[in-house]
Structure formats: C-alpha cells, structure tokens
Amino acid sequence: MSEDPEFDLKALLGIVEREKAEPTPFAQSVAAALTKALASMRAEGVIEVEDSNVDGLVDEITHAALDSSSLKKLVLRVVKTLIHSDLVEEVYGTDEEISASLRPFLDAV
C-alpha cells in the first residue's frame, strides 16, 4: 500500500467511479427486461409515455428496481415509480395490471 493516503484515496475513488459507470450483467438484464416490459405496456395501452421519455423512464425504473431490497419489493417499487413518474403521460392500468404486465419480463431475468 502506498504511503501517500491521497494517492490511495484517489485510486479507490477511480475504481468506484469505473464500477458505477459499468453496469453489472444483472443490471443490464434488468434494464433489458424493463425496456421490453415498458414497450409491451405501451402497446397494450396500459401506460402512455411519449417516445422522447422512454429512455429516461427505463433508466428511472431500472434504478428503482436495482435499489429494491427484495424481489417481491422490486415489482412494487417499479409499479410505484411508473405511477408517480413525471415521464409518464397517463397510467390506464391498475397496480395489479401493471404488476401482471411486468412479471413475465422480470421472471426471465
């Protein structure tokens, strides 16, 4: 270990920043599943999202999913995020309908 604590701290921060920038395979799988789920919900008319907001919404719900403390809470957290997001124009489905739309995609992760 280096005797210069400034150097070690900078090296550690560099590692942390690289890890933040590179999503894990699990995070990539979750993002892909939620991208497909969102497209499906839009096509089914469960949720209305402008084309320009889709990428931002996928990022928002992916972060919500990855921040959840359990798989059970993951779906609930994504549903709540979709309902309350400023990127969503309108929600036509109930919580249960949105959950049912998400599950097949998340079960594949």
PDB file of N, CA and C in Angstrom:
ATOM      1  N   MET A   1       0.840  -1.170   0.000  1.00  0.00           N
ATOM      2  CA  MET A   1       0.000   0.000   0.000  1.00  0.00           C
ATOM      3  C   MET A   1       0.887   1.236   0.000  1.00  0.00           C
ATOM      4  N   SER A   2       0.500   2.222  -0.707  1.00  0.00           N
ATOM      5  CA  SER A   2       1.283   3.448  -0.818  1.00  0.00           C
ATOM      6  C   SER A   2       1.262   4.206   0.502  1.00  0.00           C
ATOM      7  N   GLU A   3       2.356   4.929   0.755  1.00  0.00           N
ATOM      8  CA  GLU A   3       2.421   5.726   1.973  1.00  0.00           C
ATOM      9  C   GLU A   3       1.674   7.042   1.811  1.00  0.00           C
ATOM     10  N   ASP A   4       1.313   7.394   0.610  1.00  0.00           N
ATOM     11  CA  ASP A   4       0.601   8.646   0.353  1.00  0.00           C
ATOM     12  C   ASP A   4      -0.903   8.374   0.390  1.00  0.00           C
ATOM     13  N   PRO A   5      -1.592   8.757   1.503  1.00  0.00           N
ATOM     14  CA  PRO A   5      -3.021   8.475   1.609  1.00  0.00           C
ATOM     15  C   PRO A   5      -3.857   9.160   0.521  1.00  0.00           C
ATOM     16  N   GLU A   6      -3.386  10.309   0.022  1.00  0.00           N
ATOM     17  CA  GLU A   6      -4.097  10.994  -1.062  1.00  0.00           C
ATOM     18  C   GLU A   6      -4.131  10.114  -2.292  1.00  0.00           C
ATOM     19  N   PHE A   7      -3.027   9.465  -2.610  1.00  0.00           N
ATOM     20  CA  PHE A   7      -2.951   8.613  -3.795  1.00  0.00           C
ATOM     21  C   PHE A   7      -3.894   7.422  -3.649  1.00  0.00           C
ATOM     22  N   ASP A   8      -3.886   6.785  -2.509  1.00  0.00           N
ATOM     23  CA  ASP A   8      -4.747   5.626  -2.299  1.00  0.00           C
ATOM     24  C   ASP A   8      -6.222   5.996  -2.390  1.00  0.00           C
ATOM     25  N   LEU A   9      -6.586   7.137  -1.834  1.00  0.00           N
ATOM     26  CA  LEU A   9      -7.962   7.591  -1.897  1.00  0.00           C
ATOM     27  C   LEU A   9      -8.365   7.870  -3.345  1.00  0.00           C
ATOM     28  N   LYS A  10      -7.485   8.516  -4.084  1.00  0.00           N
ATOM     29  CA  LYS A  10      -7.777   8.797  -5.494  1.00  0.00           C
ATOM     30  C   LYS A  10      -7.904   7.508  -6.290  1.00  0.00           C
ATOM     31  N   ALA A  11      -7.054   6.548  -6.017  1.00  0.00           N
ATOM     32  CA  ALA A  11      -7.126   5.267  -6.710  1.00  0.00           C
ATOM     33  C   ALA A  11      -8.435   4.552  -6.397  1.00  0.00           C
ATOM     34  N   LEU A  12      -8.816   4.564  -5.129  1.00  0.00           N
ATOM     35  CA  LEU A  12     -10.061   3.932  -4.707  1.00  0.00           C
ATOM     36  C   LEU A  12     -11.264   4.618  -5.344  1.00  0.00           C
ATOM     37  N   LEU A  13     -11.268   5.943  -5.349  1.00  0.00           N
ATOM     38  CA  LEU A  13     -12.374   6.678  -5.968  1.00  0.00           C
ATOM     39  C   LEU A  13     -12.452   6.390  -7.463  1.00  0.00           C
ATOM     40  N   GLY A  14     -11.319   6.223  -8.097  1.00  0.00           N
ATOM     41  CA  GLY A  14     -11.296   5.878  -9.520  1.00  0.00           C
ATOM     42  C   GLY A  14     -11.930   4.524  -9.772  1.00  0.00           C
ATOM     43  N   ILE A  15     -11.658   3.557  -8.915  1.00  0.00           N
ATOM     44  CA  ILE A  15     -12.251   2.227  -9.039  1.00  0.00           C
ATOM     45  C   ILE A  15     -13.762   2.302  -8.845  1.00  0.00           C
ATOM     46  N   VAL A  16     -14.181   3.033  -7.838  1.00  0.00           N
ATOM     47  CA  VAL A  16     -15.612   3.175  -7.552  1.00  0.00           C
ATOM     48  C   VAL A  16     -16.321   3.834  -8.731  1.00  0.00           C
ATOM     49  N   GLU A  17     -15.750   4.873  -9.288  1.00  0.00           N
ATOM     50  CA  GLU A  17     -16.372   5.567 -10.421  1.00  0.00           C
ATOM     51  C   GLU A  17     -16.458   4.650 -11.641  1.00  0.00           C
ATOM     52  N   ARG A  18     -15.443   3.843 -11.897  1.00  0.00           N
ATOM     53  CA  ARG A  18     -15.485   2.894 -13.024  1.00  0.00           C
ATOM     54  C   ARG A  18     -16.587   1.878 -12.821  1.00  0.00           C
ATOM     55  N   GLU A  19     -16.733   1.398 -11.590  1.00  0.00           N
ATOM     56  CA  GLU A  19     -17.770   0.408 -11.310  1.00  0.00           C
ATOM     57  C   GLU A  19     -19.159   1.010 -11.461  1.00  0.00           C
ATOM     58  N   LYS A  20     -19.320   2.273 -11.109  1.00  0.00           N
ATOM     59  CA  LYS A  20     -20.612   2.937 -11.284  1.00  0.00           C
ATOM     60  C   LYS A  20     -20.928   3.085 -12.765  1.00  0.00           C
ATOM     61  N   ALA A  21     -19.927   3.353 -13.571  1.00  0.00           N
ATOM     62  CA  ALA A  21     -20.126   3.587 -14.994  1.00  0.00           C
ATOM     63  C   ALA A  21     -20.412   2.293 -15.748  1.00  0.00           C
ATOM     64  N   GLU A  22     -19.959   1.173 -15.237  1.00  0.00           N
ATOM     65  CA  GLU A  22     -20.129  -0.099 -15.917  1.00  0.00           C
ATOM     66  C   GLU A  22     -21.205  -0.917 -15.216  1.00  0.00           C
ATOM     67  N   PRO A  23     -22.386  -1.013 -15.829  1.00  0.00           N
ATOM     68  CA  PRO A  23     -23.442  -1.789 -15.184  1.00  0.00           C
ATOM     69  C   PRO A  23     -23.086  -3.276 -15.142  1.00  0.00           C
ATOM     70  N   THR A  24     -23.506  -3.919 -14.102  1.00  0.00           N
ATOM     71  CA  THR A  24     -23.265  -5.347 -13.953  1.00  0.00           C
ATOM     72  C   THR A  24     -24.129  -6.108 -14.956  1.00  0.00           C
ATOM     73  N   PRO A  25     -23.796  -7.365 -15.211  1.00  0.00           N
ATOM     74  CA  PRO A  25     -24.658  -8.168 -16.097  1.00  0.00           C
ATOM     75  C   PRO A  25     -26.101  -8.242 -15.590  1.00  0.00           C
ATOM     76  N   PHE A  26     -26.280  -8.327 -14.264  1.00  0.00           N
ATOM     77  CA  PHE A  26     -27.629  -8.347 -13.708  1.00  0.00           C
ATOM     78  C   PHE A  26     -28.352  -7.039 -14.012  1.00  0.00           C
ATOM     79  N   ALA A  27     -27.684  -5.909 -13.814  1.00  0.00           N
ATOM     80  CA  ALA A  27     -28.295  -4.608 -14.093  1.00  0.00           C
ATOM     81  C   ALA A  27     -28.651  -4.496 -15.572  1.00  0.00           C
ATOM     82  N   GLN A  28     -27.808  -5.016 -16.428  1.00  0.00           N
ATOM     83  CA  GLN A  28     -28.096  -4.997 -17.866  1.00  0.00           C
ATOM     84  C   GLN A  28     -29.317  -5.853 -18.186  1.00  0.00           C
ATOM     85  N   SER A  29     -29.428  -7.006 -17.527  1.00  0.00           N
ATOM     86  CA  SER A  29     -30.583  -7.884 -17.741  1.00  0.00           C
ATOM     87  C   SER A  29     -31.868  -7.232 -17.268  1.00  0.00           C
ATOM     88  N   VAL A  30     -31.811  -6.588 -16.115  1.00  0.00           N
ATOM     89  CA  VAL A  30     -32.980  -5.898 -15.580  1.00  0.00           C
ATOM     90  C   VAL A  30     -33.393  -4.768 -16.525  1.00  0.00           C
ATOM     91  N   ALA A  31     -32.439  -3.986 -16.983  1.00  0.00           N
ATOM     92  CA  ALA A  31     -32.737  -2.881 -17.902  1.00  0.00           C
ATOM     93  C   ALA A  31     -33.358  -3.399 -19.198  1.00  0.00           C
ATOM     94  N   ALA A  32     -32.825  -4.492 -19.729  1.00  0.00           N
ATOM     95  CA  ALA A  32     -33.375  -5.066 -20.959  1.00  0.00           C
ATOM     96  C   ALA A  32     -34.798  -5.570 -20.736  1.00  0.00           C
ATOM     97  N   ALA A  33     -35.024  -6.228 -19.615  1.00  0.00           N
ATOM     98  CA  ALA A  33     -36.365  -6.742 -19.308  1.00  0.00           C
ATOM     99  C   ALA A  33     -37.356  -5.597 -19.136  1.00  0.00           C
ATOM    100  N   LEU A  34     -36.947  -4.552 -18.450  1.00  0.00           N
ATOM    101  CA  LEU A  34     -37.849  -3.423 -18.231  1.00  0.00           C
ATOM    102  C   LEU A  34     -38.093  -2.636 -19.518  1.00  0.00           C
ATOM    103  N   THR A  35     -37.122  -2.598 -20.402  1.00  0.00           N
ATOM    104  CA  THR A  35     -37.313  -1.962 -21.707  1.00  0.00           C
ATOM    105  C   THR A  35     -38.403  -2.693 -22.483  1.00  0.00           C
ATOM    106  N   LYS A  36     -38.319  -4.028 -22.487  1.00  0.00           N
ATOM    107  CA  LYS A  36     -39.330  -4.838 -23.181  1.00  0.00           C
ATOM    108  C   LYS A  36     -40.693  -4.711 -22.503  1.00  0.00           C
ATOM    109  N   ALA A  37     -40.705  -4.721 -21.181  1.00  0.00           N
ATOM    110  CA  ALA A  37     -41.959  -4.613 -20.442  1.00  0.00           C
ATOM    111  C   ALA A  37     -42.636  -3.274 -20.719  1.00  0.00           C
ATOM    112  N   LEU A  38     -41.854  -2.205 -20.729  1.00  0.00           N
ATOM    113  CA  LEU A  38     -42.410  -0.884 -20.986  1.00  0.00           C
ATOM    114  C   LEU A  38     -42.983  -0.805 -22.399  1.00  0.00           C
ATOM    115  N   ALA A  39     -42.271  -1.365 -23.363  1.00  0.00           N
ATOM    116  CA  ALA A  39     -42.765  -1.382 -24.746  1.00  0.00           C
ATOM    117  C   ALA A  39     -44.079  -2.159 -24.833  1.00  0.00           C
ATOM    118  N   SER A  40     -44.160  -3.262 -24.135  1.00  0.00           N
ATOM    119  CA  SER A  40     -45.374  -4.080 -24.124  1.00  0.00           C
ATOM    120  C   SER A  40     -46.539  -3.333 -23.490  1.00  0.00           C
ATOM    121  N   MET A  41     -46.287  -2.693 -22.354  1.00  0.00           N
ATOM    122  CA  MET A  41     -47.351  -1.942 -21.675  1.00  0.00           C
ATOM    123  C   MET A  41     -47.836  -0.778 -22.526  1.00  0.00           C
ATOM    124  N   ARG A  42     -46.931  -0.140 -23.235  1.00  0.00           N
ATOM    125  CA  ARG A  42     -47.331   0.951 -24.127  1.00  0.00           C
ATOM    126  C   ARG A  42     -48.190   0.410 -25.269  1.00  0.00           C
ATOM    127  N   ALA A  43     -47.781  -0.720 -25.843  1.00  0.00           N
ATOM    128  CA  ALA A  43     -48.531  -1.312 -26.949  1.00  0.00           C
ATOM    129  C   ALA A  43     -49.917  -1.779 -26.509  1.00  0.00           C
ATOM    130  N   GLU A  44     -50.020  -2.261 -25.279  1.00  0.00           N
ATOM    131  CA  GLU A  44     -51.303  -2.742 -24.743  1.00  0.00           C
ATOM    132  C   GLU A  44     -52.185  -1.608 -24.231  1.00  0.00           C
ATOM    133  N   GLY A  45     -51.642  -0.398 -24.164  1.00  0.00           N
ATOM    134  CA  GLY A  45     -52.413   0.738 -23.688  1.00  0.00           C
ATOM    135  C   GLY A  45     -52.538   0.818 -22.182  1.00  0.00           C
ATOM    136  N   VAL A  46     -51.657   0.127 -21.467  1.00  0.00           N
ATOM    137  CA  VAL A  46     -51.679   0.160 -20.005  1.00  0.00           C
ATOM    138  C   VAL A  46     -51.082   1.466 -19.496  1.00  0.00           C
ATOM    139  N   ILE A  47     -50.136   1.997 -20.268  1.00  0.00           N
ATOM    140  CA  ILE A  47     -49.429   3.203 -19.851  1.00  0.00           C
ATOM    141  C   ILE A  47     -49.115   4.031 -21.097  1.00  0.00           C
ATOM    142  N   GLU A  48     -49.149   5.342 -20.937  1.00  0.00           N
ATOM    143  CA  GLU A  48     -48.849   6.229 -22.053  1.00  0.00           C
ATOM    144  C   GLU A  48     -47.570   7.003 -21.740  1.00  0.00           C
ATOM    145  N   VAL A  49     -46.592   6.844 -22.630  1.00  0.00           N
ATOM    146  CA  VAL A  49     -45.299   7.506 -22.468  1.00  0.00           C
ATOM    147  C   VAL A  49     -44.882   8.052 -23.828  1.00  0.00           C
ATOM    148  N   GLU A  50     -44.498   9.309 -23.871  1.00  0.00           N
ATOM    149  CA  GLU A  50     -44.004   9.903 -25.106  1.00  0.00           C
ATOM    150  C   GLU A  50     -42.707   9.206 -25.522  1.00  0.00           C
ATOM    151  N   ASP A  51     -42.487   9.070 -26.823  1.00  0.00           N
ATOM    152  CA  ASP A  51     -41.278   8.421 -27.331  1.00  0.00           C
ATOM    153  C   ASP A  51     -40.010   9.050 -26.761  1.00  0.00           C
ATOM    154  N   SER A  52     -40.015  10.363 -26.621  1.00  0.00           N
ATOM    155  CA  SER A  52     -38.823  11.064 -26.133  1.00  0.00           C
ATOM    156  C   SER A  52     -38.529  10.780 -24.660  1.00  0.00           C
ATOM    157  N   ASN A  53     -39.500  10.234 -23.929  1.00  0.00           N
ATOM    158  CA  ASN A  53     -39.321   9.964 -22.499  1.00  0.00           C
ATOM    159  C   ASN A  53     -39.012   8.499 -22.187  1.00  0.00           C
ATOM    160  N   VAL A  54     -39.036   7.640 -23.190  1.00  0.00           N
ATOM    161  CA  VAL A  54     -38.878   6.207 -22.945  1.00  0.00           C
ATOM    162  C   VAL A  54     -37.526   5.886 -22.320  1.00  0.00           C
ATOM    163  N   ASP A  55     -36.434   6.374 -22.896  1.00  0.00           N
ATOM    164  CA  ASP A  55     -35.102   6.049 -22.362  1.00  0.00           C
ATOM    165  C   ASP A  55     -34.934   6.542 -20.925  1.00  0.00           C
ATOM    166  N   GLY A  56     -35.382   7.738 -20.657  1.00  0.00           N
ATOM    167  CA  GLY A  56     -35.293   8.269 -19.302  1.00  0.00           C
ATOM    168  C   GLY A  56     -36.124   7.471 -18.320  1.00  0.00           C
ATOM    169  N   LEU A  57     -37.305   7.038 -18.762  1.00  0.00           N
ATOM    170  CA  LEU A  57     -38.172   6.241 -17.891  1.00  0.00           C
ATOM    171  C   LEU A  57     -37.575   4.865 -17.634  1.00  0.00           C
ATOM    172  N   VAL A  58     -36.971   4.271 -18.648  1.00  0.00           N
ATOM    173  CA  VAL A  58     -36.305   2.970 -18.448  1.00  0.00           C
ATOM    174  C   VAL A  58     -35.193   3.125 -17.416  1.00  0.00           C
ATOM    175  N   ASP A  59     -34.418   4.193 -17.514  1.00  0.00           N
ATOM    176  CA  ASP A  59     -33.365   4.441 -16.518  1.00  0.00           C
ATOM    177  C   ASP A  59     -33.961   4.601 -15.126  1.00  0.00           C
ATOM    178  N   GLU A  60     -35.051   5.345 -15.038  1.00  0.00           N
ATOM    179  CA  GLU A  60     -35.688   5.606 -13.745  1.00  0.00           C
ATOM    180  C   GLU A  60     -36.211   4.317 -13.103  1.00  0.00           C
ATOM    181  N   ILE A  61     -36.913   3.495 -13.886  1.00  0.00           N
ATOM    182  CA  ILE A  61     -37.469   2.270 -13.309  1.00  0.00           C
ATOM    183  C   ILE A  61     -36.391   1.219 -13.073  1.00  0.00           C
ATOM    184  N   THR A  62     -35.325   1.246 -13.876  1.00  0.00           N
ATOM    185  CA  THR A  62     -34.210   0.320 -13.650  1.00  0.00           C
ATOM    186  C   THR A  62     -33.528   0.652 -12.329  1.00  0.00           C
ATOM    187  N   HIS A  63     -33.284   1.925 -12.079  1.00  0.00           N
ATOM    188  CA  HIS A  63     -32.674   2.325 -10.805  1.00  0.00           C
ATOM    189  C   HIS A  63     -33.575   1.944  -9.630  1.00  0.00           C
ATOM    190  N   ALA A  64     -34.871   2.151  -9.792  1.00  0.00           N
ATOM    191  CA  ALA A  64     -35.807   1.775  -8.727  1.00  0.00           C
ATOM    192  C   ALA A  64     -35.750   0.273  -8.474  1.00  0.00           C
ATOM    193  N   ALA A  65     -35.714  -0.501  -9.542  1.00  0.00           N
ATOM    194  CA  ALA A  65     -35.662  -1.959  -9.399  1.00  0.00           C
ATOM    195  C   ALA A  65     -34.379  -2.399  -8.712  1.00  0.00           C
ATOM    196  N   LEU A  66     -33.268  -1.832  -9.121  1.00  0.00           N
ATOM    197  CA  LEU A  66     -31.975  -2.229  -8.561  1.00  0.00           C
ATOM    198  C   LEU A  66     -31.802  -1.755  -7.117  1.00  0.00           C
ATOM    199  N   ASP A  67     -32.542  -0.741  -6.720  1.00  0.00           N
ATOM    200  CA  ASP A  67     -32.473  -0.247  -5.344  1.00  0.00           C
ATOM    201  C   ASP A  67     -33.405  -0.992  -4.400  1.00  0.00           C
ATOM    202  N   SER A  68     -34.245  -1.867  -4.930  1.00  0.00           N
ATOM    203  CA  SER A  68     -35.185  -2.581  -4.063  1.00  0.00           C
ATOM    204  C   SER A  68     -34.449  -3.618  -3.226  1.00  0.00           C
ATOM    205  N   SER A  69     -35.008  -3.901  -2.075  1.00  0.00           N
ATOM    206  CA  SER A  69     -34.334  -4.784  -1.123  1.00  0.00           C
ATOM    207  C   SER A  69     -34.692  -6.254  -1.289  1.00  0.00           C
ATOM    208  N   SER A  70     -35.687  -6.558  -2.109  1.00  0.00           N
ATOM    209  CA  SER A  70     -36.054  -7.953  -2.343  1.00  0.00           C
ATOM    210  C   SER A  70     -36.764  -8.060  -3.688  1.00  0.00           C
ATOM    211  N   LEU A  71     -36.888  -9.282  -4.191  1.00  0.00           N
ATOM    212  CA  LEU A  71     -37.577  -9.477  -5.464  1.00  0.00           C
ATOM    213  C   LEU A  71     -39.055  -9.114  -5.364  1.00  0.00           C
ATOM    214  N   LYS A  72     -39.653  -9.397  -4.217  1.00  0.00           N
ATOM    215  CA  LYS A  72     -41.055  -9.060  -4.020  1.00  0.00           C
ATOM    216  C   LYS A  72     -41.254  -7.546  -4.085  1.00  0.00           C
ATOM    217  N   LYS A  73     -40.359  -6.820  -3.449  1.00  0.00           N
ATOM    218  CA  LYS A  73     -40.464  -5.370  -3.438  1.00  0.00           C
ATOM    219  C   LYS A  73     -40.055  -4.750  -4.770  1.00  0.00           C
ATOM    220  N   LEU A  74     -39.301  -5.485  -5.572  1.00  0.00           N
ATOM    221  CA  LEU A  74     -38.840  -4.976  -6.858  1.00  0.00           C
ATOM    222  C   LEU A  74     -40.029  -4.602  -7.735  1.00  0.00           C
ATOM    223  N   VAL A  75     -40.971  -5.507  -7.892  1.00  0.00           N
ATOM    224  CA  VAL A  75     -42.134  -5.236  -8.741  1.00  0.00           C
ATOM    225  C   VAL A  75     -42.943  -4.065  -8.178  1.00  0.00           C
ATOM    226  N   LEU A  76     -43.186  -4.076  -6.887  1.00  0.00           N
ATOM    227  CA  LEU A  76     -43.944  -2.997  -6.252  1.00  0.00           C
ATOM    228  C   LEU A  76     -43.247  -1.653  -6.453  1.00  0.00           C
ATOM    229  N   ARG A  77     -41.951  -1.650  -6.295  1.00  0.00           N
ATOM    230  CA  ARG A  77     -41.190  -0.400  -6.443  1.00  0.00           C
ATOM    231  C   ARG A  77     -41.252   0.123  -7.880  1.00  0.00           C
ATOM    232  N   VAL A  78     -41.158  -0.788  -8.860  1.00  0.00           N
ATOM    233  CA  VAL A  78     -41.250  -0.375 -10.268  1.00  0.00           C
ATOM    234  C   VAL A  78     -42.650   0.164 -10.563  1.00  0.00           C
ATOM    235  N   VAL A  79     -43.676  -0.513 -10.067  1.00  0.00           N
ATOM    236  CA  VAL A  79     -45.057  -0.056 -10.276  1.00  0.00           C
ATOM    237  C   VAL A  79     -45.232   1.347  -9.705  1.00  0.00           C
ATOM    238  N   LYS A  80     -44.804   1.561  -8.481  1.00  0.00           N
ATOM    239  CA  LYS A  80     -44.951   2.873  -7.841  1.00  0.00           C
ATOM    240  C   LYS A  80     -44.168   3.946  -8.598  1.00  0.00           C
ATOM    241  N   THR A  81     -42.988   3.586  -9.087  1.00  0.00           N
ATOM    242  CA  THR A  81     -42.177   4.535  -9.844  1.00  0.00           C
ATOM    243  C   THR A  81     -42.880   4.912 -11.143  1.00  0.00           C
ATOM    244  N   LEU A  82     -43.464   3.932 -11.819  1.00  0.00           N
ATOM    245  CA  LEU A  82     -44.195   4.222 -13.056  1.00  0.00           C
ATOM    246  C   LEU A  82     -45.390   5.138 -12.794  1.00  0.00           C
ATOM    247  N   ILE A  83     -46.118   4.863 -11.741  1.00  0.00           N
ATOM    248  CA  ILE A  83     -47.315   5.637 -11.432  1.00  0.00           C
ATOM    249  C   ILE A  83     -46.980   7.086 -11.085  1.00  0.00           C
ATOM    250  N   HIS A  84     -45.872   7.303 -10.406  1.00  0.00           N
ATOM    251  CA  HIS A  84     -45.537   8.643  -9.912  1.00  0.00           C
ATOM    252  C   HIS A  84     -44.526   9.396 -10.775  1.00  0.00           C
ATOM    253  N   SER A  85     -44.043   8.767 -11.838  1.00  0.00           N
ATOM    254  CA  SER A  85     -43.011   9.396 -12.656  1.00  0.00           C
ATOM    255  C   SER A  85     -43.554  10.576 -13.467  1.00  0.00           C
ATOM    256  N   ASP A  86     -42.769  11.627 -13.533  1.00  0.00           N
ATOM    257  CA  ASP A  86     -43.112  12.780 -14.367  1.00  0.00           C
ATOM    258  C   ASP A  86     -42.948  12.465 -15.856  1.00  0.00           C
ATOM    259  N   LEU A  87     -42.266  11.362 -16.169  1.00  0.00           N
ATOM    260  CA  LEU A  87     -42.033  10.972 -17.565  1.00  0.00           C
ATOM    261  C   LEU A  87     -43.200  10.192 -18.159  1.00  0.00           C
ATOM    262  N   VAL A  88     -44.166   9.841 -17.323  1.00  0.00           N
ATOM    263  CA  VAL A  88     -45.343   9.095 -17.768  1.00  0.00           C
ATOM    264  C   VAL A  88     -46.482  10.078 -17.993  1.00  0.00           C
ATOM    265  N   GLU A  89     -47.076  10.009 -19.181  1.00  0.00           N
ATOM    266  CA  GLU A  89     -48.199  10.891 -19.504  1.00  0.00           C
ATOM    267  C   GLU A  89     -49.462  10.459 -18.775  1.00  0.00           C
ATOM    268  N   GLU A  90     -49.765   9.170 -18.858  1.00  0.00           N
ATOM    269  CA  GLU A  90     -51.010   8.669 -18.269  1.00  0.00           C
ATOM    270  C   GLU A  90     -50.855   7.190 -17.952  1.00  0.00           C
ATOM    271  N   VAL A  91     -51.462   6.763 -16.854  1.00  0.00           N
ATOM    272  CA  VAL A  91     -51.498   5.357 -16.473  1.00  0.00           C
ATOM    273  C   VAL A  91     -52.951   4.920 -16.549  1.00  0.00           C
ATOM    274  N   TYR A  92     -53.222   3.909 -17.372  1.00  0.00           N
ATOM    275  CA  TYR A  92     -54.584   3.422 -17.540  1.00  0.00           C
ATOM    276  C   TYR A  92     -54.814   2.112 -16.786  1.00  0.00           C
ATOM    277  N   GLY A  93     -53.730   1.411 -16.461  1.00  0.00           N
ATOM    278  CA  GLY A  93     -53.843   0.144 -15.759  1.00  0.00           C
ATOM    279  C   GLY A  93     -53.828   0.334 -14.254  1.00  0.00           C
ATOM    280  N   THR A  94     -54.368  -0.645 -13.557  1.00  0.00           N
ATOM    281  CA  THR A  94     -54.306  -0.657 -12.097  1.00  0.00           C
ATOM    282  C   THR A  94     -52.935  -1.162 -11.671  1.00  0.00           C
ATOM    283  N   ASP A  95     -52.648  -1.054 -10.380  1.00  0.00           N
ATOM    284  CA  ASP A  95     -51.389  -1.584  -9.857  1.00  0.00           C
ATOM    285  C   ASP A  95     -51.245  -3.064 -10.214  1.00  0.00           C
ATOM    286  N   GLU A  96     -52.340  -3.808 -10.081  1.00  0.00           N
ATOM    287  CA  GLU A  96     -52.312  -5.251 -10.355  1.00  0.00           C
ATOM    288  C   GLU A  96     -52.062  -5.526 -11.835  1.00  0.00           C
ATOM    289  N   GLU A  97     -52.665  -4.740 -12.715  1.00  0.00           N
ATOM    290  CA  GLU A  97     -52.463  -4.925 -14.155  1.00  0.00           C
ATOM    291  C   GLU A  97     -51.022  -4.605 -14.555  1.00  0.00           C
ATOM    292  N   ILE A  98     -50.482  -3.562 -13.964  1.00  0.00           N
ATOM    293  CA  ILE A  98     -49.089  -3.203 -14.258  1.00  0.00           C
ATOM    294  C   ILE A  98     -48.160  -4.295 -13.736  1.00  0.00           C
ATOM    295  N   SER A  99     -48.410  -4.772 -12.526  1.00  0.00           N
ATOM    296  CA  SER A  99     -47.605  -5.861 -11.959  1.00  0.00           C
ATOM    297  C   SER A  99     -47.660  -7.096 -12.850  1.00  0.00           C
ATOM    298  N   ALA A 100     -48.865  -7.437 -13.303  1.00  0.00           N
ATOM    299  CA  ALA A 100     -49.029  -8.606 -14.168  1.00  0.00           C
ATOM    300  C   ALA A 100     -48.295  -8.418 -15.493  1.00  0.00           C
ATOM    301  N   SER A 101     -48.256  -7.199 -15.998  1.00  0.00           N
ATOM    302  CA  SER A 101     -47.529  -6.916 -17.237  1.00  0.00           C
ATOM    303  C   SER A 101     -46.021  -7.026 -17.049  1.00  0.00           C
ATOM    304  N   LEU A 102     -45.542  -6.659 -15.867  1.00  0.00           N
ATOM    305  CA  LEU A 102     -44.102  -6.689 -15.587  1.00  0.00           C
ATOM    306  C   LEU A 102     -43.570  -8.102 -15.331  1.00  0.00           C
ATOM    307  N   ARG A 103     -44.353  -8.897 -14.644  1.00  0.00           N
ATOM    308  CA  ARG A 103     -43.860 -10.203 -14.152  1.00  0.00           C
ATOM    309  C   ARG A 103     -43.248 -11.115 -15.205  1.00  0.00           C
ATOM    310  N   PRO A 104     -43.877 -11.329 -16.370  1.00  0.00           N
ATOM    311  CA  PRO A 104     -43.253 -12.249 -17.336  1.00  0.00           C
ATOM    312  C   PRO A 104     -41.861 -11.788 -17.770  1.00  0.00           C
ATOM    313  N   PHE A 105     -41.677 -10.481 -17.860  1.00  0.00           N
ATOM    314  CA  PHE A 105     -40.388  -9.947 -18.283  1.00  0.00           C
ATOM    315  C   PHE A 105     -39.354 -10.065 -17.174  1.00  0.00           C
ATOM    316  N   LEU A 106     -39.758  -9.788 -15.946  1.00  0.00           N
ATOM    317  CA  LEU A 106     -38.827  -9.868 -14.816  1.00  0.00           C
ATOM    318  C   LEU A 106     -38.533 -11.312 -14.426  1.00  0.00           C
ATOM    319  N   ASP A 107     -39.491 -12.212 -14.645  1.00  0.00           N
ATOM    320  CA  ASP A 107     -39.250 -13.633 -14.354  1.00  0.00           C
ATOM    321  C   ASP A 107     -38.151 -14.195 -15.252  1.00  0.00           C
ATOM    322  N   ALA A 108     -37.970 -13.595 -16.417  1.00  0.00           N
ATOM    323  CA  ALA A 108     -36.945 -14.059 -17.357  1.00  0.00           C
ATOM    324  C   ALA A 108     -35.537 -13.615 -16.963  1.00  0.00           C
ATOM    325  N   VAL A 109     -35.443 -12.689 -16.006  1.00  0.00           N
ATOM    326  CA  VAL A 109     -34.125 -12.164 -15.588  1.00  0.00           C
ATOM    327  C   VAL A 109     -33.431 -13.157 -14.767  1.00  0.00           C
TER     328      VAL A 109
END
